[in-house]
Amino acid sequence: MDILDPIFPLQVRAARALLGWSQKQLAERAGVSEPFVNRLERGERLGHAGKLSMLRDALLQANVGFFTTETEFGVSLHGTSASEIRAEWRGRRDKQDQ
């Protein structure tokens, strides 16, 4: 997963929804500000790779898996074992996204 990919904000929002977290909860767990999470999810271009990595890491610690292919992208919430998927969200890439 590429944190600078334009798809990443959609994945963050979907992962947060699967976890039932508010933007504030994600921000607190990641160590970033709530306005940062809000701006990211609104699609603003944020060039803070360090903060984006912190968001990714907080979600990974919560058992969120990210996936991106040429035609699909999404997130999944894993259970106690990595093979147990409790919830999943998928989106389709447009030709222009690639």
Protein backbone atom coordinates (compact mmCIF):
# COMPACT_ATOMS: atom_id res chain seq x y z
CA MET A 1 0.00 0.00 0.00
CA ASP A 2 1.26 3.42 -0.96
CA ILE A 3 0.38 6.14 1.55
CA LEU A 4 0.82 8.75 -1.22
CA ASP A 5 -1.63 6.98 -3.56
CA PRO A 6 -4.80 9.06 -4.11
CA ILE A 7 -6.76 5.96 -2.99
CA PHE A 8 -5.22 6.00 0.51
CA PRO A 9 -7.70 8.57 1.96
CA LEU A 10 -10.60 6.36 0.87
CA GLN A 11 -8.94 3.38 2.51
CA VAL A 12 -8.42 5.35 5.74
CA ARG A 13 -12.09 6.37 5.85
CA ALA A 14 -13.25 2.81 5.11
CA ALA A 15 -10.91 1.32 7.72
CA ARG A 16 -12.11 3.81 10.32
CA ALA A 17 -15.71 2.90 9.51
CA LEU A 18 -15.02 -0.85 9.80
CA LEU A 19 -13.44 -0.24 13.21
CA GLY A 20 -16.28 2.04 14.34
CA TRP A 21 -13.79 4.81 15.16
CA SER A 22 -14.44 8.52 14.91
CA GLN A 23 -11.89 10.80 13.28
CA LYS A 24 -10.92 11.93 16.77
CA GLN A 25 -10.32 8.33 17.93
CA LEU A 26 -8.12 7.59 14.92
CA ALA A 27 -6.20 10.82 15.39
CA GLU A 28 -5.56 10.02 19.06
CA ARG A 29 -4.41 6.48 18.32
CA ALA A 30 -2.13 7.67 15.51
CA GLY A 31 -0.74 10.70 17.32
CA VAL A 32 -1.92 13.22 14.74
CA SER A 33 -4.50 15.99 14.91
CA GLU A 34 -8.18 15.45 14.19
CA PRO A 35 -8.16 18.24 11.55
CA PHE A 36 -5.36 16.35 9.76
CA VAL A 37 -7.55 13.22 9.54
CA ASN A 38 -10.50 15.33 8.40
CA ARG A 39 -8.52 17.09 5.66
CA LEU A 40 -7.08 13.77 4.46
CA GLU A 41 -10.51 12.15 4.24
CA ARG A 42 -11.86 15.17 2.34
CA GLY A 43 -9.21 14.50 -0.28
CA GLU A 44 -6.83 17.38 0.39
CA ARG A 45 -3.30 16.70 -0.81
CA LEU A 46 -1.23 16.39 2.33
CA GLY A 47 2.49 15.95 1.83
CA HIS A 48 3.22 14.80 5.37
CA ALA A 49 4.56 11.31 4.76
CA GLY A 50 5.44 10.91 8.44
CA LYS A 51 1.91 11.63 9.60
CA LEU A 52 0.42 9.46 6.88
CA SER A 53 2.67 6.62 8.03
CA MET A 54 1.48 7.15 11.60
CA LEU A 55 -2.15 6.76 10.44
CA ARG A 56 -1.29 3.62 8.48
CA ASP A 57 0.58 2.15 11.43
CA ALA A 58 -2.30 2.82 13.86
CA LEU A 59 -4.69 1.04 11.50
CA LEU A 60 -2.32 -1.88 10.97
CA GLN A 61 -2.03 -2.27 14.76
CA ALA A 62 -5.83 -2.51 14.86
CA ASN A 63 -5.67 -5.51 12.47
CA VAL A 64 -6.66 -3.61 9.35
CA GLY A 65 -5.30 -4.97 6.09
CA PHE A 66 -4.93 -2.81 2.97
CA PHE A 67 -5.01 -4.07 -0.62
CA THR A 68 -4.61 -2.41 -4.00
CA THR A 69 -4.59 -3.97 -7.44
CA GLU A 70 -4.87 -2.52 -10.93
CA THR A 71 -8.66 -2.76 -10.79
CA GLU A 72 -9.59 -2.86 -7.08
CA PHE A 73 -8.64 -1.43 -3.74
CA GLY A 74 -9.96 -1.79 -0.23
CA VAL A 75 -9.44 -2.69 3.39
CA SER A 76 -10.25 -5.65 5.56
CA LEU A 77 -10.55 -6.06 9.31
CA HIS A 78 -8.90 -9.24 10.52
CA GLY A 79 -9.83 -11.29 13.55
CA THR A 80 -7.47 -12.98 15.96
CA SER A 81 -5.74 -14.82 13.10
CA ALA A 82 -4.65 -13.10 9.90
CA SER A 83 -6.75 -15.49 7.84
CA GLU A 84 -9.99 -14.59 9.67
CA ILE A 85 -11.57 -11.60 7.93
CA ARG A 86 -14.32 -10.03 10.02
CA ALA A 87 -15.27 -7.26 7.62
CA GLU A 88 -14.17 -5.95 4.25
CA TRP A 89 -14.68 -2.93 2.01
CA ARG A 90 -13.79 -2.85 -1.70
CA GLY A 91 -13.76 -0.14 -4.34
CA ARG A 92 -13.09 -0.16 -8.08
CA ARG A 93 -10.34 1.84 -9.75
CA ASP A 94 -11.23 3.95 -12.74
CA LYS A 95 -8.84 3.85 -15.68
CA GLN A 96 -7.92 7.49 -14.86
CA ASP A 97 -6.80 6.55 -11.29
CA GLN A 98 -3.95 4.40 -12.61
